[in-house]
């Protein structure tokens, strides 16, 4: 059975393997032992911390195959971004050049650097290893984060964002960055991306253009990728769009990938989740719809998905087999949360 749980210090080797496999553009998991160790320690401390409102906590989860002990995926939530290190975006807006005398009216797209998402919660670091991407695992890994956030809403902002990986080639080169590099920088995209992953963002203030950029002055290749996602990121974007996330014109500074947003209470998983008492049963009918289920705890959080569970909405109960109850570490009569995958 696949169980999502908070990362532990003993998961370091598994996390590093995932960091290596994630490749270029996955800045939240750079291949750096010290940084990965710090991420794990920060997560452990965040789960243990008493919180009344979000600040700078980070919650990192792993998806474990309980039969083999293998870690097959990871995902994370940042409680409030930009609080200790500034979070930068470009916002795609418009400006009008109008001359009544000449009869000219031109609307031009502009990119303005901003920190508008400061204090928002961010879902991030979603990665499922090759060989495990069939079936419902990816959908579960994405949506189960929202159950955790709803169960511990005091730890998160009302606004939730997700930065989507932008377009780059097999060597990690971004058409958008190539234009910026030519005019403002002297470093390659993978190096800039790596520095951001390490938390070193000083160079952004030092070298990024301070004034709005006219999008029509960019190369055709750079213009074509503004607000577009990497081919491998399209499934993740579709999942978030089904949850109610929208793109409101904010894009990444380096690869111009879109940042999407939603209000926590409006997210589909949060709205459709069902809370009920555990009822452990000997067996259940075949061909039940798959449910994602969470035990609702904090540092002992566990979630899984299964077709060996049934929602008894009229009785406000969730029937589980003993195997599923054991995987979630829950007992008869305990309150848990579920939603239909």
Foldseek 3Di string as FASTA:
>chain_A
DKKKAFDALVCLVLLLVQQVVVDAQQLQRHNDSVLSNVLSVQQLCLLVDDFQAAAFGKTKMFIADVVVRHTFWIKIKTAFPCRVAADKWWFWDWDWDDDPVVGDIDIFIKTAIDRVRGGAMEIGRTDGHPPPPPDCVSLLNLLVVLVLCLLVVSHHDQKYKYAAGFADDPVNAALQQVQCCVPFNVDTLRVVSNCVSVVNPPVCVVTPDNGMDTLVVRDPRNSVGAQHHYPVRVVVVVSQVVQPWDFNRIAHPRRNHTMTMDGSCSGPSNVAKAKAWEDEDAFDDPPAFKKWKWLSGGNLIMIDIDSQWDDPPVRRYIYHYPVVCVRRVHDGGRMIMMGGD
